[in-house]
Amino acid sequence: MALEPVTIQNNDPLIYFHGRWDRSPGTWWAGSGLKLNVKNFESLTLNLGPHTTTPLTSVGVSFDYGEFITANISEGPNPIPIPESFNKSPGTDNTVVRINVEGWQNNRMNLESITLNPECFVSSIYSFKSGVPIHWRLSVSCKLLHAMFSTIFVQCSISRVQGQFLPKGVDQAWPFLVGETFKAEHVVNAQPGAALSDIVSFGNEHGVSYQFFRTEDTGYFYTTDHNFTTPWNFARDIPAATHVVIHIGANDAAQNVTDAQFIQVYTDFVTRLRTIYQHQPIFVFTPWGWPNPDGTFGEYYVGDYQKIVDLRHASGDENVFLVNTTGWVTYADVFPAYAIFISSATYLSI
């Protein structure tokens, strides 16, 4: 008599959800996904519901922290291919399976259940054989990066953080690469073209100063089954961030947001972040600038980031620091080349 496969439902506490998931449950924002810790692992099928992107969405899948491979999934059962390079003998060790949506759009994975091979055992994601809990978390919201390597970075950044033009999307973007370097979890909330200011910008109905605090990314505006936003419960981010990195402003400049307006919205944003991340150091990154062939950089909001830091200090918040990132990206690295992400990740990983 054949043994029955193991099926776990979407409300099983042994599934470690990361990123932004709605109640369906379904993903929003590039990089959102899940993790499993499986003993005797041989096969996995994602069973997805009707809120999954049609005709498909692309996810990155990694086994035991190996390279992420792309799988295209859609509503219904989706057997996940196992790469030939993964050759662990059944029954010997636990396997960590990581799955996340790659894209900044068409990125909804509506999980109903997961089917695994017979005689496998699923255990907590906090009990890997290394004995070190996965307390590392990476999140980026067009901006925001929570990367945890016994710390977490929350980073607000320009649109390229989500890997808009890269073959594997966010899995090749610099926040993700930084997380991989430090063996961090990855939760990336990034949207190309969105400003920090809450304005319409390059197809985004809202800015990051609004959208970061919502479950949904700005793609909600173009959906028919979920054309609304809901507040994000930051208590679901377990564990909480320990460091905050903010790197944003290019799209505000492109939308002619004035220096005074930008300073105000940025300062208000940090003030609101402080209600969530009350004691964490905040690192304000200056722009990379627009690199030119002659080695110079086109800059925007020159001096404004220093003013923002000074305003925080004047309010009594001394735990805010300025980081000059000009020159991290050279003309040879320009967007959308993969090199730009390698360059930035290298600086952040030093």
C-alpha atoms as a PDB file:
ATOM      1  CA  MET A   1       0.000   0.000   0.000  1.00  0.00           C
ATOM      2  CA  ALA A   2       1.445   3.320  -1.096  1.00  0.00           C
ATOM      3  CA  LEU A   3       2.131   5.861   1.602  1.00  0.00           C
ATOM      4  CA  GLU A   4       0.172   9.099   1.480  1.00  0.00           C
ATOM      5  CA  PRO A   5       1.974  12.370   0.802  1.00  0.00           C
ATOM      6  CA  VAL A   6       2.192  14.891   3.617  1.00  0.00           C
ATOM      7  CA  THR A   7      -0.025  17.955   3.167  1.00  0.00           C
ATOM      8  CA  ILE A   8       0.233  21.021   5.363  1.00  0.00           C
ATOM      9  CA  GLN A   9      -2.421  23.729   5.265  1.00  0.00           C
ATOM     10  CA  ASN A  10      -1.727  27.431   4.918  1.00  0.00           C
ATOM     11  CA  ASN A  11      -2.452  28.053   8.604  1.00  0.00           C
ATOM     12  CA  ASP A  12       0.148  25.566   9.841  1.00  0.00           C
ATOM     13  CA  PRO A  13       2.455  27.313  12.349  1.00  0.00           C
ATOM     14  CA  LEU A  14       5.428  25.377  10.960  1.00  0.00           C
ATOM     15  CA  ILE A  15       5.286  27.479   7.788  1.00  0.00           C
ATOM     16  CA  TYR A  16       7.460  30.537   8.359  1.00  0.00           C
ATOM     17  CA  PHE A  17       5.890  33.422   6.449  1.00  0.00           C
ATOM     18  CA  HIS A  18       7.998  36.488   5.762  1.00  0.00           C
ATOM     19  CA  GLY A  19       7.228  39.724   3.995  1.00  0.00           C
ATOM     20  CA  ARG A  20       3.737  41.064   3.457  1.00  0.00           C
ATOM     21  CA  TRP A  21       0.895  38.554   3.236  1.00  0.00           C
ATOM     22  CA  ASP A  22      -2.799  39.415   3.209  1.00  0.00           C
ATOM     23  CA  ARG A  23      -5.501  37.326   4.860  1.00  0.00           C
ATOM     24  CA  SER A  24      -6.143  35.095   1.822  1.00  0.00           C
ATOM     25  CA  PRO A  25      -3.134  34.397   2.446  1.00  0.00           C
ATOM     26  CA  GLY A  26      -1.410  35.964  -0.520  1.00  0.00           C
ATOM     27  CA  THR A  27       1.842  37.799  -1.148  1.00  0.00           C
ATOM     28  CA  TRP A  28       2.429  41.457  -1.890  1.00  0.00           C
ATOM     29  CA  TRP A  29       5.781  43.162  -2.537  1.00  0.00           C
ATOM     30  CA  ALA A  30       8.802  41.562  -4.203  1.00  0.00           C
ATOM     31  CA  GLY A  31      10.609  39.101  -1.958  1.00  0.00           C
ATOM     32  CA  SER A  32       7.665  38.055   0.192  1.00  0.00           C
ATOM     33  CA  GLY A  33       7.467  34.324   0.698  1.00  0.00           C
ATOM     34  CA  LEU A  34       7.884  31.418   3.071  1.00  0.00           C
ATOM     35  CA  LYS A  35      10.337  28.941   4.514  1.00  0.00           C
ATOM     36  CA  LEU A  36      10.110  25.313   5.592  1.00  0.00           C
ATOM     37  CA  ASN A  37      12.436  23.064   7.562  1.00  0.00           C
ATOM     38  CA  VAL A  38      11.868  19.496   6.317  1.00  0.00           C
ATOM     39  CA  LYS A  39      13.455  16.181   7.301  1.00  0.00           C
ATOM     40  CA  ASN A  40      13.520  13.400   4.687  1.00  0.00           C
ATOM     41  CA  PHE A  41      12.752  15.953   1.987  1.00  0.00           C
ATOM     42  CA  GLU A  42      12.252  14.681  -1.570  1.00  0.00           C
ATOM     43  CA  SER A  43       9.512  16.706  -3.257  1.00  0.00           C
ATOM     44  CA  LEU A  44       7.281  19.742  -2.823  1.00  0.00           C
ATOM     45  CA  THR A  45       4.122  20.979  -4.534  1.00  0.00           C
ATOM     46  CA  LEU A  46       2.585  24.417  -3.970  1.00  0.00           C
ATOM     47  CA  ASN A  47      -1.200  24.329  -4.159  1.00  0.00           C
ATOM     48  CA  LEU A  48      -2.357  27.831  -5.015  1.00  0.00           C
ATOM     49  CA  GLY A  49      -5.694  29.610  -4.944  1.00  0.00           C
ATOM     50  CA  PRO A  50      -7.577  31.982  -7.275  1.00  0.00           C
ATOM     51  CA  HIS A  51      -5.855  35.176  -6.100  1.00  0.00           C
ATOM     52  CA  THR A  52      -2.586  33.982  -7.639  1.00  0.00           C
ATOM     53  CA  THR A  53      -1.460  36.155 -10.552  1.00  0.00           C
ATOM     54  CA  THR A  54      -2.847  35.027 -13.921  1.00  0.00           C
ATOM     55  CA  PRO A  55      -1.464  33.491 -16.042  1.00  0.00           C
ATOM     56  CA  LEU A  56       1.506  32.986 -13.699  1.00  0.00           C
ATOM     57  CA  THR A  57       3.910  34.484 -11.209  1.00  0.00           C
ATOM     58  CA  SER A  58       7.610  33.733 -10.867  1.00  0.00           C
ATOM     59  CA  VAL A  59       9.142  32.623  -7.589  1.00  0.00           C
ATOM     60  CA  GLY A  60      12.700  31.984  -6.522  1.00  0.00           C
ATOM     61  CA  VAL A  61      13.293  28.633  -4.812  1.00  0.00           C
ATOM     62  CA  SER A  62      16.389  27.718  -2.801  1.00  0.00           C
ATOM     63  CA  PHE A  63      17.277  24.440  -1.108  1.00  0.00           C
ATOM     64  CA  ASP A  64      19.642  24.546   1.871  1.00  0.00           C
ATOM     65  CA  TYR A  65      20.733  28.101   1.091  1.00  0.00           C
ATOM     66  CA  GLY A  66      21.805  27.175  -2.402  1.00  0.00           C
ATOM     67  CA  GLU A  67      21.310  29.307  -5.490  1.00  0.00           C
ATOM     68  CA  PHE A  68      17.783  30.543  -6.133  1.00  0.00           C
ATOM     69  CA  ILE A  69      16.198  28.988  -9.196  1.00  0.00           C
ATOM     70  CA  THR A  70      13.113  30.400 -10.906  1.00  0.00           C
ATOM     71  CA  ALA A  71       9.830  28.491 -10.979  1.00  0.00           C
ATOM     72  CA  ASN A  72       6.738  29.788 -12.767  1.00  0.00           C
ATOM     73  CA  ILE A  73       3.606  28.996 -10.771  1.00  0.00           C
ATOM     74  CA  SER A  74      -0.130  29.517 -11.214  1.00  0.00           C
ATOM     75  CA  GLU A  75      -3.477  28.615  -9.644  1.00  0.00           C
ATOM     76  CA  GLY A  76      -3.703  24.902  -8.833  1.00  0.00           C
ATOM     77  CA  PRO A  77      -0.966  22.354  -8.001  1.00  0.00           C
ATOM     78  CA  ASN A  78       2.591  23.376  -8.867  1.00  0.00           C
ATOM     79  CA  PRO A  79       5.313  20.714  -8.469  1.00  0.00           C
ATOM     80  CA  ILE A  80       8.572  22.535  -7.760  1.00  0.00           C
ATOM     81  CA  PRO A  81      11.572  21.241  -9.739  1.00  0.00           C
ATOM     82  CA  ILE A  82      14.514  20.011  -7.679  1.00  0.00           C
ATOM     83  CA  PRO A  83      17.874  20.986  -9.223  1.00  0.00           C
ATOM     84  CA  GLU A  84      20.363  18.230  -9.989  1.00  0.00           C
ATOM     85  CA  SER A  85      22.904  20.039  -7.838  1.00  0.00           C
ATOM     86  CA  PHE A  86      20.783  19.268  -4.791  1.00  0.00           C
ATOM     87  CA  ASN A  87      21.856  15.727  -3.907  1.00  0.00           C
ATOM     88  CA  LYS A  88      21.164  15.337  -0.212  1.00  0.00           C
ATOM     89  CA  SER A  89      20.445  11.728   0.705  1.00  0.00           C
ATOM     90  CA  PRO A  90      16.908  11.208   2.041  1.00  0.00           C
ATOM     91  CA  GLY A  91      16.746  10.700   5.784  1.00  0.00           C
ATOM     92  CA  THR A  92      20.141  12.198   6.548  1.00  0.00           C
ATOM     93  CA  ASP A  93      19.496  15.837   7.345  1.00  0.00           C
ATOM     94  CA  ASN A  94      16.901  18.536   7.421  1.00  0.00           C
ATOM     95  CA  THR A  95      16.403  20.610   4.291  1.00  0.00           C
ATOM     96  CA  VAL A  96      15.641  24.318   4.419  1.00  0.00           C
ATOM     97  CA  VAL A  97      13.334  25.307   1.571  1.00  0.00           C
ATOM     98  CA  ARG A  98      13.019  29.013   0.793  1.00  0.00           C
ATOM     99  CA  ILE A  99      10.436  30.387  -1.646  1.00  0.00           C
ATOM    100  CA  ASN A 100       9.806  34.031  -2.504  1.00  0.00           C
ATOM    101  CA  VAL A 101       8.110  35.988  -5.273  1.00  0.00           C
ATOM    102  CA  GLU A 102      10.662  37.592  -7.585  1.00  0.00           C
ATOM    103  CA  GLY A 103       8.767  40.422  -9.219  1.00  0.00           C
ATOM    104  CA  TRP A 104       7.656  43.924  -8.285  1.00  0.00           C
ATOM    105  CA  GLN A 105       4.460  43.306 -10.245  1.00  0.00           C
ATOM    106  CA  ASN A 106       2.421  40.179 -11.061  1.00  0.00           C
ATOM    107  CA  ASN A 107       3.761  38.845  -7.777  1.00  0.00           C
ATOM    108  CA  ARG A 108       0.758  37.379  -5.993  1.00  0.00           C
ATOM    109  CA  MET A 109       1.056  33.845  -4.649  1.00  0.00           C
ATOM    110  CA  ASN A 110      -2.185  32.748  -2.955  1.00  0.00           C
ATOM    111  CA  LEU A 111      -1.166  29.754  -0.841  1.00  0.00           C
ATOM    112  CA  GLU A 112      -3.780  27.097  -0.022  1.00  0.00           C
ATOM    113  CA  SER A 113      -1.553  24.196   1.015  1.00  0.00           C
ATOM    114  CA  ILE A 114       1.808  22.518   0.485  1.00  0.00           C
ATOM    115  CA  THR A 115       2.200  18.851  -0.444  1.00  0.00           C
ATOM    116  CA  LEU A 116       5.419  17.060   0.513  1.00  0.00           C
ATOM    117  CA  ASN A 117       6.662  13.530  -0.066  1.00  0.00           C
ATOM    118  CA  PRO A 118       5.542  10.673   2.239  1.00  0.00           C
ATOM    119  CA  GLU A 119       7.469  10.080   5.460  1.00  0.00           C
ATOM    120  CA  CYS A 120       8.824  13.598   5.697  1.00  0.00           C
ATOM    121  CA  PHE A 121       8.702  15.657   8.879  1.00  0.00           C
ATOM    122  CA  VAL A 122       8.292  19.420   9.110  1.00  0.00           C
ATOM    123  CA  SER A 123       9.758  21.221  12.110  1.00  0.00           C
ATOM    124  CA  SER A 124      10.162  24.800  13.248  1.00  0.00           C
ATOM    125  CA  ILE A 125      12.227  27.120  11.097  1.00  0.00           C
ATOM    126  CA  TYR A 126      13.925  28.161  14.339  1.00  0.00           C
ATOM    127  CA  SER A 127      15.637  24.823  14.883  1.00  0.00           C
ATOM    128  CA  PHE A 128      18.156  24.360  12.095  1.00  0.00           C
ATOM    129  CA  LYS A 129      21.032  21.989  12.636  1.00  0.00           C
ATOM    130  CA  SER A 130      23.368  24.965  13.164  1.00  0.00           C
ATOM    131  CA  GLY A 131      21.438  25.699  16.326  1.00  0.00           C
ATOM    132  CA  VAL A 132      21.204  29.367  15.334  1.00  0.00           C
ATOM    133  CA  PRO A 133      17.647  30.657  14.981  1.00  0.00           C
ATOM    134  CA  ILE A 134      16.768  32.391  11.753  1.00  0.00           C
ATOM    135  CA  HIS A 135      16.411  35.714  13.466  1.00  0.00           C
ATOM    136  CA  TRP A 136      17.769  37.555  10.496  1.00  0.00           C
ATOM    137  CA  ARG A 137      15.315  39.463   8.418  1.00  0.00           C
ATOM    138  CA  LEU A 138      15.579  41.548   5.299  1.00  0.00           C
ATOM    139  CA  SER A 139      12.876  43.890   4.083  1.00  0.00           C
ATOM    140  CA  VAL A 140      12.924  46.636   1.605  1.00  0.00           C
ATOM    141  CA  SER A 141      10.237  49.002   0.784  1.00  0.00           C
ATOM    142  CA  CYS A 142      10.902  50.834  -2.373  1.00  0.00           C
ATOM    143  CA  LYS A 143      12.301  51.265  -0.398  1.00  0.00           C
ATOM    144  CA  LEU A 144      12.797  49.447   2.737  1.00  0.00           C
ATOM    145  CA  LEU A 145      15.263  46.878   3.751  1.00  0.00           C
ATOM    146  CA  HIS A 146      15.028  44.882   6.933  1.00  0.00           C
ATOM    147  CA  ALA A 147      18.116  42.788   6.982  1.00  0.00           C
ATOM    148  CA  MET A 148      18.912  40.899  10.039  1.00  0.00           C
ATOM    149  CA  PHE A 149      22.258  39.446  10.825  1.00  0.00           C
ATOM    150  CA  SER A 150      21.852  39.495  14.559  1.00  0.00           C
ATOM    151  CA  THR A 151      20.634  42.865  13.418  1.00  0.00           C
ATOM    152  CA  ILE A 152      17.988  43.964  10.953  1.00  0.00           C
ATOM    153  CA  PHE A 153      18.290  46.781   8.502  1.00  0.00           C
ATOM    154  CA  VAL A 154      15.213  48.634   7.477  1.00  0.00           C
ATOM    155  CA  GLN A 155      16.130  50.420   4.327  1.00  0.00           C
ATOM    156  CA  CYS A 156      14.274  52.940   2.233  1.00  0.00           C
ATOM    157  CA  SER A 157      15.810  52.998  -1.178  1.00  0.00           C
ATOM    158  CA  ILE A 158      15.425  53.928  -4.829  1.00  0.00           C
ATOM    159  CA  SER A 159      13.437  51.760  -7.203  1.00  0.00           C
ATOM    160  CA  ARG A 160      16.242  49.549  -8.476  1.00  0.00           C
ATOM    161  CA  VAL A 161      16.378  47.680  -5.153  1.00  0.00           C
ATOM    162  CA  GLN A 162      13.698  45.284  -6.343  1.00  0.00           C
ATOM    163  CA  GLY A 163      15.657  44.141  -9.414  1.00  0.00           C
ATOM    164  CA  GLN A 164      13.232  45.521 -11.961  1.00  0.00           C
ATOM    165  CA  PHE A 165      15.195  44.488 -15.046  1.00  0.00           C
ATOM    166  CA  LEU A 166      17.134  41.532 -13.687  1.00  0.00           C
ATOM    167  CA  PRO A 167      16.422  37.945 -14.850  1.00  0.00           C
ATOM    168  CA  LYS A 168      15.677  36.755 -11.312  1.00  0.00           C
ATOM    169  CA  GLY A 169      14.134  39.985 -10.088  1.00  0.00           C
ATOM    170  CA  VAL A 170      14.634  40.770  -6.438  1.00  0.00           C
ATOM    171  CA  ASP A 171      16.791  37.678  -5.920  1.00  0.00           C
ATOM    172  CA  GLN A 172      19.586  39.487  -7.764  1.00  0.00           C
ATOM    173  CA  ALA A 173      18.999  42.923  -6.230  1.00  0.00           C
ATOM    174  CA  TRP A 174      21.546  44.403  -3.846  1.00  0.00           C
ATOM    175  CA  PRO A 175      19.427  44.264  -0.652  1.00  0.00           C
ATOM    176  CA  PHE A 176      18.837  40.583  -1.296  1.00  0.00           C
ATOM    177  CA  LEU A 177      22.541  39.998  -1.963  1.00  0.00           C
ATOM    178  CA  VAL A 178      23.459  41.741   1.277  1.00  0.00           C
ATOM    179  CA  GLY A 179      21.063  39.460   3.111  1.00  0.00           C
ATOM    180  CA  GLU A 180      22.589  36.402   1.475  1.00  0.00           C
ATOM    181  CA  THR A 181      26.061  37.548   2.476  1.00  0.00           C
ATOM    182  CA  PHE A 182      25.011  37.667   6.112  1.00  0.00           C
ATOM    183  CA  LYS A 183      22.706  34.615   5.802  1.00  0.00           C
ATOM    184  CA  ALA A 184      19.744  36.867   6.467  1.00  0.00           C
ATOM    185  CA  GLU A 185      16.120  36.260   5.651  1.00  0.00           C
ATOM    186  CA  HIS A 186      14.745  38.287   2.791  1.00  0.00           C
ATOM    187  CA  VAL A 187      11.632  40.409   2.784  1.00  0.00           C
ATOM    188  CA  VAL A 188      11.809  43.064   0.102  1.00  0.00           C
ATOM    189  CA  ASN A 189       9.180  45.765  -0.282  1.00  0.00           C
ATOM    190  CA  ALA A 190      10.227  47.732  -3.366  1.00  0.00           C
ATOM    191  CA  GLN A 191       8.308  49.478  -6.112  1.00  0.00           C
ATOM    192  CA  PRO A 192       9.984  51.096  -9.131  1.00  0.00           C
ATOM    193  CA  GLY A 193       9.145  54.737  -9.690  1.00  0.00           C
ATOM    194  CA  ALA A 194       7.591  55.404  -6.295  1.00  0.00           C
ATOM    195  CA  ALA A 195       8.616  58.590  -4.512  1.00  0.00           C
ATOM    196  CA  LEU A 196       8.943  58.980  -0.772  1.00  0.00           C
ATOM    197  CA  SER A 197       6.369  61.774  -0.973  1.00  0.00           C
ATOM    198  CA  ASP A 198       2.799  60.503  -1.101  1.00  0.00           C
ATOM    199  CA  ILE A 199       2.221  61.521  -4.707  1.00  0.00           C
ATOM    200  CA  VAL A 200       1.418  59.805  -7.989  1.00  0.00           C
ATOM    201  CA  SER A 201       4.754  58.889  -9.556  1.00  0.00           C
ATOM    202  CA  PHE A 202       5.483  56.781 -12.621  1.00  0.00           C
ATOM    203  CA  GLY A 203       2.351  54.656 -12.261  1.00  0.00           C
ATOM    204  CA  ASN A 204       2.404  54.451  -8.465  1.00  0.00           C
ATOM    205  CA  GLU A 205      -0.740  55.882  -6.897  1.00  0.00           C
ATOM    206  CA  HIS A 206       1.008  56.463  -3.560  1.00  0.00           C
ATOM    207  CA  GLY A 207       4.482  57.146  -2.245  1.00  0.00           C
ATOM    208  CA  VAL A 208       6.527  55.098   0.184  1.00  0.00           C
ATOM    209  CA  SER A 209       5.687  57.389   3.096  1.00  0.00           C
ATOM    210  CA  TYR A 210       2.172  55.930   2.766  1.00  0.00           C
ATOM    211  CA  GLN A 211       2.639  52.516   1.169  1.00  0.00           C
ATOM    212  CA  PHE A 212       5.304  51.196   3.520  1.00  0.00           C
ATOM    213  CA  PHE A 213       2.724  51.079   6.274  1.00  0.00           C
ATOM    214  CA  ARG A 214       0.253  49.044   4.183  1.00  0.00           C
ATOM    215  CA  THR A 215       0.080  45.306   3.540  1.00  0.00           C
ATOM    216  CA  GLU A 216      -0.274  45.808  -0.193  1.00  0.00           C
ATOM    217  CA  ASP A 217       2.241  47.252  -2.637  1.00  0.00           C
ATOM    218  CA  THR A 218       1.198  49.946  -5.094  1.00  0.00           C
ATOM    219  CA  GLY A 219       0.058  47.285  -7.565  1.00  0.00           C
ATOM    220  CA  TYR A 220      -3.199  47.032  -5.599  1.00  0.00           C
ATOM    221  CA  PHE A 221      -4.460  49.993  -7.647  1.00  0.00           C
ATOM    222  CA  TYR A 222      -4.519  47.885 -10.807  1.00  0.00           C
ATOM    223  CA  THR A 223      -6.131  44.741  -9.405  1.00  0.00           C
ATOM    224  CA  THR A 224      -9.789  43.783  -9.680  1.00  0.00           C
ATOM    225  CA  ASP A 225     -10.003  41.347  -6.753  1.00  0.00           C
ATOM    226  CA  HIS A 226      -8.124  43.423  -4.150  1.00  0.00           C
ATOM    227  CA  ASN A 227      -8.437  47.086  -5.104  1.00  0.00           C
ATOM    228  CA  PHE A 228      -7.806  48.446  -1.620  1.00  0.00           C
ATOM    229  CA  THR A 229      -5.122  48.626   1.054  1.00  0.00           C
ATOM    230  CA  THR A 230      -5.021  47.471   4.661  1.00  0.00           C
ATOM    231  CA  PRO A 231      -2.770  48.595   7.523  1.00  0.00           C
ATOM    232  CA  TRP A 232       0.282  46.402   8.056  1.00  0.00           C
ATOM    233  CA  ASN A 233       0.606  44.966  11.547  1.00  0.00           C
ATOM    234  CA  PHE A 234       4.311  45.348  12.330  1.00  0.00           C
ATOM    235  CA  ALA A 235       3.937  42.881  15.183  1.00  0.00           C
ATOM    236  CA  ARG A 236       3.955  40.259  12.417  1.00  0.00           C
ATOM    237  CA  ASP A 237       7.584  41.135  11.656  1.00  0.00           C
ATOM    238  CA  ILE A 238       9.299  38.661  13.954  1.00  0.00           C
ATOM    239  CA  PRO A 239      11.789  39.557  15.140  1.00  0.00           C
ATOM    240  CA  ALA A 240      11.725  43.331  14.976  1.00  0.00           C
ATOM    241  CA  ALA A 241      14.417  45.352  13.248  1.00  0.00           C
ATOM    242  CA  THR A 242      17.524  46.384  15.131  1.00  0.00           C
ATOM    243  CA  HIS A 243      18.982  48.838  12.589  1.00  0.00           C
ATOM    244  CA  VAL A 244      17.342  51.173  10.086  1.00  0.00           C
ATOM    245  CA  VAL A 245      18.882  52.257   6.787  1.00  0.00           C
ATOM    246  CA  ILE A 246      17.095  54.812   4.596  1.00  0.00           C
ATOM    247  CA  HIS A 247      18.150  55.361   0.980  1.00  0.00           C
ATOM    248  CA  ILE A 248      15.584  57.239  -1.078  1.00  0.00           C
ATOM    249  CA  GLY A 249      14.891  60.399  -3.057  1.00  0.00           C
ATOM    250  CA  ALA A 250      15.517  59.836  -6.785  1.00  0.00           C
ATOM    251  CA  ASN A 251      11.861  59.700  -7.745  1.00  0.00           C
ATOM    252  CA  ASP A 252      10.993  62.711  -5.607  1.00  0.00           C
ATOM    253  CA  ALA A 253      13.623  64.655  -7.528  1.00  0.00           C
ATOM    254  CA  ALA A 254      12.204  63.377 -10.816  1.00  0.00           C
ATOM    255  CA  GLN A 255       8.754  64.630  -9.772  1.00  0.00           C
ATOM    256  CA  ASN A 256      10.122  68.081  -8.903  1.00  0.00           C
ATOM    257  CA  VAL A 257       9.484  67.794  -5.185  1.00  0.00           C
ATOM    258  CA  THR A 258      11.215  70.854  -3.748  1.00  0.00           C
ATOM    259  CA  ASP A 259      14.040  70.669  -1.235  1.00  0.00           C
ATOM    260  CA  ALA A 260      11.822  72.050   1.516  1.00  0.00           C
ATOM    261  CA  GLN A 261       9.027  69.584   0.735  1.00  0.00           C
ATOM    262  CA  PHE A 262      11.437  66.656   0.620  1.00  0.00           C
ATOM    263  CA  ILE A 263      13.035  67.555   3.942  1.00  0.00           C
ATOM    264  CA  GLN A 264       9.598  67.803   5.529  1.00  0.00           C
ATOM    265  CA  VAL A 265       8.229  64.497   4.207  1.00  0.00           C
ATOM    266  CA  TYR A 266      11.492  62.702   5.018  1.00  0.00           C
ATOM    267  CA  THR A 267      11.540  64.059   8.559  1.00  0.00           C
ATOM    268  CA  ASP A 268       7.883  63.131   9.062  1.00  0.00           C
ATOM    269  CA  PHE A 269       8.606  59.646   7.727  1.00  0.00           C
ATOM    270  CA  VAL A 270      11.459  59.097  10.172  1.00  0.00           C
ATOM    271  CA  THR A 271       9.273  60.406  12.993  1.00  0.00           C
ATOM    272  CA  ARG A 272       6.640  57.816  12.122  1.00  0.00           C
ATOM    273  CA  LEU A 273       9.242  55.070  11.816  1.00  0.00           C
ATOM    274  CA  ARG A 274      10.325  55.952  15.340  1.00  0.00           C
ATOM    275  CA  THR A 275       6.909  54.885  16.634  1.00  0.00           C
ATOM    276  CA  ILE A 276       7.758  51.378  15.370  1.00  0.00           C
ATOM    277  CA  TYR A 277      11.544  51.229  15.670  1.00  0.00           C
ATOM    278  CA  GLN A 278      11.882  53.203  18.873  1.00  0.00           C
ATOM    279  CA  HIS A 279      15.486  52.514  19.855  1.00  0.00           C
ATOM    280  CA  GLN A 280      17.201  51.357  16.673  1.00  0.00           C
ATOM    281  CA  PRO A 281      19.991  53.413  15.084  1.00  0.00           C
ATOM    282  CA  ILE A 282      18.878  55.010  11.821  1.00  0.00           C
ATOM    283  CA  PHE A 283      21.356  55.447   8.972  1.00  0.00           C
ATOM    284  CA  VAL A 284      20.418  58.097   6.408  1.00  0.00           C
ATOM    285  CA  PHE A 285      22.124  57.243   3.116  1.00  0.00           C
ATOM    286  CA  THR A 286      22.801  60.003   0.620  1.00  0.00           C
ATOM    287  CA  PRO A 287      21.975  59.242  -3.042  1.00  0.00           C
ATOM    288  CA  TRP A 288      24.404  57.311  -5.195  1.00  0.00           C
ATOM    289  CA  GLY A 289      23.997  60.137  -7.684  1.00  0.00           C
ATOM    290  CA  TRP A 290      23.807  59.764 -11.451  1.00  0.00           C
ATOM    291  CA  PRO A 291      27.293  58.624 -12.617  1.00  0.00           C
ATOM    292  CA  ASN A 292      28.676  60.241 -15.773  1.00  0.00           C
ATOM    293  CA  PRO A 293      31.270  58.864 -18.232  1.00  0.00           C
ATOM    294  CA  ASP A 294      33.827  61.429 -17.040  1.00  0.00           C
ATOM    295  CA  GLY A 295      33.656  60.158 -13.464  1.00  0.00           C
ATOM    296  CA  THR A 296      31.510  62.981 -12.107  1.00  0.00           C
ATOM    297  CA  PHE A 297      28.114  62.504 -10.508  1.00  0.00           C
ATOM    298  CA  GLY A 298      24.840  64.300 -11.066  1.00  0.00           C
ATOM    299  CA  GLU A 299      23.398  64.976  -7.622  1.00  0.00           C
ATOM    300  CA  TYR A 300      20.054  65.973  -6.178  1.00  0.00           C
ATOM    301  CA  TYR A 301      18.921  67.277  -2.800  1.00  0.00           C
ATOM    302  CA  VAL A 302      22.510  68.288  -2.073  1.00  0.00           C
ATOM    303  CA  GLY A 303      22.892  69.004   1.639  1.00  0.00           C
ATOM    304  CA  ASP A 304      19.292  68.042   2.421  1.00  0.00           C
ATOM    305  CA  TYR A 305      20.144  64.686   3.968  1.00  0.00           C
ATOM    306  CA  GLN A 306      22.507  66.388   6.396  1.00  0.00           C
ATOM    307  CA  LYS A 307      19.725  68.824   7.286  1.00  0.00           C
ATOM    308  CA  ILE A 308      17.361  65.917   7.961  1.00  0.00           C
ATOM    309  CA  VAL A 309      19.888  64.328  10.311  1.00  0.00           C
ATOM    310  CA  ASP A 310      20.495  67.672  12.018  1.00  0.00           C
ATOM    311  CA  LEU A 311      16.758  68.118  12.579  1.00  0.00           C
ATOM    312  CA  ARG A 312      16.560  64.718  14.248  1.00  0.00           C
ATOM    313  CA  HIS A 313      19.510  65.595  16.476  1.00  0.00           C
ATOM    314  CA  ALA A 314      17.877  68.907  17.378  1.00  0.00           C
ATOM    315  CA  SER A 315      14.751  67.011  18.436  1.00  0.00           C
ATOM    316  CA  GLY A 316      16.841  64.912  20.822  1.00  0.00           C
ATOM    317  CA  ASP A 317      17.227  61.859  18.578  1.00  0.00           C
ATOM    318  CA  GLU A 318      20.999  61.417  18.463  1.00  0.00           C
ATOM    319  CA  ASN A 319      20.703  57.863  17.161  1.00  0.00           C
ATOM    320  CA  VAL A 320      20.516  58.996  13.513  1.00  0.00           C
ATOM    321  CA  PHE A 321      23.619  58.926  11.302  1.00  0.00           C
ATOM    322  CA  LEU A 322      24.513  60.198   7.827  1.00  0.00           C
ATOM    323  CA  VAL A 323      26.227  57.836   5.343  1.00  0.00           C
ATOM    324  CA  ASN A 324      27.686  59.264   2.134  1.00  0.00           C
ATOM    325  CA  THR A 325      27.108  56.698  -0.643  1.00  0.00           C
ATOM    326  CA  THR A 326      28.175  58.894  -3.558  1.00  0.00           C
ATOM    327  CA  GLY A 327      30.659  56.928  -5.639  1.00  0.00           C
ATOM    328  CA  TRP A 328      29.439  53.494  -4.604  1.00  0.00           C
ATOM    329  CA  VAL A 329      28.039  53.101  -8.119  1.00  0.00           C
ATOM    330  CA  THR A 330      30.204  54.185 -11.052  1.00  0.00           C
ATOM    331  CA  TYR A 331      29.327  54.679 -14.705  1.00  0.00           C
ATOM    332  CA  ALA A 332      30.491  51.107 -15.394  1.00  0.00           C
ATOM    333  CA  ASP A 333      27.848  49.855 -12.977  1.00  0.00           C
ATOM    334  CA  VAL A 334      24.894  51.822 -14.283  1.00  0.00           C
ATOM    335  CA  PHE A 335      21.337  50.552 -14.091  1.00  0.00           C
ATOM    336  CA  PRO A 336      20.130  48.038 -15.015  1.00  0.00           C
ATOM    337  CA  ALA A 337      23.452  46.174 -15.069  1.00  0.00           C
ATOM    338  CA  TYR A 338      23.791  43.405 -12.495  1.00  0.00           C
ATOM    339  CA  ALA A 339      27.124  44.992 -11.530  1.00  0.00           C
ATOM    340  CA  ILE A 340      25.328  47.864  -9.814  1.00  0.00           C
ATOM    341  CA  PHE A 341      23.835  45.446  -7.319  1.00  0.00           C
ATOM    342  CA  ILE A 342      27.121  43.645  -6.753  1.00  0.00           C
ATOM    343  CA  SER A 343      28.858  46.979  -6.183  1.00  0.00           C
ATOM    344  CA  SER A 344      26.288  48.223  -3.679  1.00  0.00           C
ATOM    345  CA  ALA A 345      26.067  44.913  -1.856  1.00  0.00           C
ATOM    346  CA  THR A 346      29.846  44.859  -1.535  1.00  0.00           C
ATOM    347  CA  TYR A 347      29.927  48.269   0.143  1.00  0.00           C
ATOM    348  CA  LEU A 348      27.157  47.283   2.548  1.00  0.00           C
ATOM    349  CA  SER A 349      28.821  43.972   3.370  1.00  0.00           C
ATOM    350  CA  ILE A 350      32.236  45.369   4.272  1.00  0.00           C
END
